[in-house]
Protein backbone atom coordinates (compact mmCIF):
# COMPACT_ATOMS: atom_id res chain seq x y z
CA GLY A 1 79.82 0.33 -66.20
CA ARG A 2 79.00 4.03 -66.58
CA ASP A 3 80.40 4.20 -70.14
CA LEU A 4 78.20 1.27 -71.18
CA LEU A 5 75.15 2.99 -69.73
CA ASP A 6 75.96 6.30 -71.44
CA LYS A 7 76.49 4.49 -74.76
CA ALA A 8 73.20 2.60 -74.44
CA VAL A 9 71.30 5.81 -73.60
CA LEU A 10 72.89 7.59 -76.58
CA GLU A 11 71.96 4.69 -78.86
CA TRP A 12 68.43 4.74 -77.46
CA ASP A 13 68.09 8.48 -78.07
CA ASN A 14 69.41 8.16 -81.66
CA ARG A 15 67.33 5.11 -82.61
CA GLU A 16 65.70 5.02 -86.02
CA GLU A 17 61.93 5.47 -86.17
CA PHE A 18 61.48 2.29 -88.22
CA TRP A 19 62.53 -0.04 -85.39
CA THR A 20 60.05 -2.74 -84.75
CA ALA A 21 58.25 -2.96 -81.41
CA ASN A 22 60.29 -6.10 -80.65
CA GLU A 23 63.63 -4.38 -81.26
CA GLU A 24 62.50 -1.43 -79.12
CA SER A 25 61.54 -3.80 -76.32
CA ASN A 26 64.96 -5.51 -76.51
CA CYS A 27 66.69 -2.14 -76.30
CA LYS A 28 64.61 -1.15 -73.25
CA ASP A 29 65.52 -4.47 -71.61
CA GLU A 30 69.19 -3.85 -72.36
CA LEU A 31 68.95 -0.33 -70.92
CA LYS A 32 67.31 -1.69 -67.76
CA ARG A 33 70.03 -4.34 -67.42
CA LEU A 34 72.81 -1.80 -67.94
CA TYR A 35 71.18 0.61 -65.49
CA LYS A 36 70.92 -2.08 -62.81
CA GLU A 37 74.54 -3.06 -63.44
CA SER A 38 75.62 0.57 -63.26
CA THR A 39 73.65 1.09 -60.03
CA LYS A 40 75.32 -1.96 -58.47
CA ILE A 41 78.74 -0.61 -59.44
CA GLU A 42 77.94 2.84 -58.01
CA ARG A 43 76.55 1.31 -54.82
CA ALA A 44 79.60 -0.94 -54.41
CA THR A 45 81.91 2.02 -55.03
CA LYS A 46 80.05 4.13 -52.43
CA ILE A 47 80.18 1.33 -49.85
CA GLU A 48 83.90 0.88 -50.48
CA LYS A 49 84.50 4.65 -50.18
CA ASP A 50 82.41 4.90 -47.00
CA THR A 51 84.26 1.95 -45.48
CA LYS A 52 87.63 3.52 -46.25
CA ILE A 53 86.51 6.84 -44.73
CA GLU A 54 85.15 5.08 -41.65
CA ARG A 55 88.37 3.12 -41.15
CA ALA A 56 90.48 6.23 -41.70
CA THR A 57 88.50 8.31 -39.23
CA LYS A 58 87.57 5.67 -36.63
CA ARG A 59 90.07 7.23 -34.22
CA ALA A 60 89.09 10.79 -35.09
CA THR A 61 89.08 13.17 -32.17
CA LYS A 62 86.20 15.44 -31.27
CA ARG A 63 88.35 18.36 -32.32
CA GLU A 64 88.98 16.82 -35.75
CA LEU A 65 85.24 16.24 -36.21
CA ASN A 66 84.27 19.82 -35.26
CA HIS A 67 84.33 21.09 -38.84
CA LEU A 68 81.71 18.55 -39.94
CA VAL A 69 79.16 20.28 -37.68
CA GLU A 70 80.60 23.78 -37.85
CA VAL A 71 80.13 24.01 -41.61
CA HIS A 72 76.35 23.82 -41.06
CA LEU A 73 76.40 26.34 -38.21
CA VAL A 74 78.28 28.85 -40.38
CA LYS A 75 75.53 28.49 -43.00
CA ASP A 76 72.87 28.93 -40.24
CA ASP A 77 71.52 25.47 -41.02
CA VAL A 78 71.06 24.24 -37.46
CA ARG A 79 68.81 21.37 -38.57
CA ALA A 80 71.63 20.00 -40.78
CA ALA A 81 74.03 20.44 -37.85
CA VAL A 82 71.73 18.28 -35.70
CA VAL A 83 71.61 15.61 -38.41
CA GLU A 84 75.41 15.64 -38.71
CA LEU A 85 75.80 15.51 -34.93
CA ARG A 86 73.55 12.45 -34.84
CA LYS A 87 75.67 10.70 -37.51
CA ILE A 88 78.92 11.51 -35.70
CA ALA A 89 77.52 10.38 -32.34
CA LYS A 90 76.42 7.08 -33.85
CA MET A 91 79.72 6.42 -35.58
CA PHE A 92 82.26 7.88 -33.14
CA LYS A 93 80.41 8.23 -29.80
CA LYS A 94 81.41 11.91 -29.78
CA MET A 95 79.38 15.09 -30.03
CA PRO A 96 81.49 17.93 -31.42
CA LYS A 97 79.99 21.40 -31.16
CA LYS A 98 77.17 20.06 -28.97
CA PHE A 99 77.25 23.19 -26.78
CA GLU A 100 77.02 25.55 -29.79
CA VAL A 101 74.27 23.54 -31.49
CA THR A 102 72.26 23.31 -28.27
CA CYS A 103 72.59 27.04 -27.63
CA ARG A 104 71.42 27.82 -31.17
CA LEU A 105 68.42 25.53 -30.69
CA ILE A 106 67.60 27.32 -27.43
CA GLU A 107 67.74 30.67 -29.27
CA GLU A 108 65.39 29.25 -31.92
CA GLU A 109 63.19 27.74 -29.18
CA ASN A 110 63.26 24.49 -31.16
CA VAL A 111 62.03 22.12 -28.44
CA GLU A 112 61.82 19.09 -30.74
CA ALA A 113 65.45 19.38 -31.89
CA LEU A 114 66.58 20.11 -28.30
CA GLN A 115 64.95 16.86 -27.24
CA GLU A 116 66.72 15.07 -30.09
CA ILE A 117 70.10 16.46 -28.98
CA LEU A 118 69.33 15.44 -25.39
CA ASP A 119 68.39 11.91 -26.49
CA ILE A 120 71.56 11.56 -28.56
CA SER A 121 73.65 12.90 -25.67
CA ILE A 122 72.05 10.48 -23.20
CA GLY A 123 72.93 7.64 -25.57
CA VAL A 124 76.56 8.75 -25.73
CA PHE A 125 77.29 10.15 -22.25
CA GLY A 126 74.42 9.05 -20.01
CA GLU A 127 71.49 10.91 -18.48
CA GLU A 128 73.13 12.90 -15.68
CA PRO A 129 75.98 14.46 -17.67
CA SER A 130 73.52 15.25 -20.48
CA LEU A 131 71.11 17.05 -18.14
CA TYR A 132 73.96 19.06 -16.62
CA ASP A 133 75.18 20.00 -20.12
CA LEU A 134 71.70 21.12 -21.16
CA ALA A 135 71.32 23.14 -17.94
CA HIS A 136 74.68 24.77 -18.70
CA CYS A 137 73.42 25.82 -22.13
CA PHE A 138 70.21 27.24 -20.66
CA LEU A 139 72.23 29.24 -18.11
CA HIS A 140 74.58 30.47 -20.82
CA LYS A 141 71.58 31.78 -22.81
CA LYS A 142 70.08 33.33 -19.63
CA TYR A 143 67.17 30.86 -19.39
CA THR A 144 67.60 30.39 -15.65
CA ALA A 145 64.11 29.02 -14.99
CA GLN A 146 64.65 26.16 -17.46
CA ALA A 147 68.11 25.44 -16.05
CA LYS A 148 66.74 25.38 -12.50
CA LYS A 149 63.97 22.99 -13.53
CA LEU A 150 66.54 20.62 -15.09
CA LEU A 151 68.80 20.73 -12.05
CA GLU A 152 65.81 19.92 -9.83
CA THR A 153 65.11 16.71 -11.79
CA PRO A 154 64.18 14.00 -9.26
CA GLY A 155 67.03 11.53 -8.81
CA LEU A 156 69.66 13.82 -10.34
CA ARG A 157 72.75 13.52 -8.19
CA TYR A 158 74.77 16.54 -7.21
CA ASP A 159 77.95 16.74 -9.30
CA LYS A 160 80.26 19.21 -7.58
CA GLY A 161 82.66 19.37 -10.53
CA LYS A 162 79.91 20.10 -13.05
CA VAL A 163 78.25 22.67 -10.80
CA GLU A 164 81.57 24.48 -10.26
CA TYR A 165 82.25 24.43 -14.01
CA ILE A 166 78.82 25.83 -14.83
């Protein structure tokens, strides 16, 4: 598929100036057809590759998925880490490096991304554990007022284990 496209493009680039408008039109049509065919092949190959990766990693542990988020944190690209965390949460129902990402977002005072992490976490773990986790991050970063406000959320049940851990 790709070789045919490359050949057609090369032929198009090297065409003679005396081609008729009709021949030029036919060549453009052929290029369009080859491009569409090539795109279909690439798309099918990508879907096949993604499916194989998904099957191979379906049982991936949180620990095994850590590096997918950590690579963005090392590059100080917290936004990309959030995007990756969202993908992993959707596919695996896990949130590797959630604590680190959340703490970085607190440092950056990125309220919008913090809300996104909270929403993702609620979808994976539920509201109460997610609020406790966020409060833990606020306490870790010495934002006690924000942590206190979260822990005073109406309807939030007391979780002795979480409180002792924090």
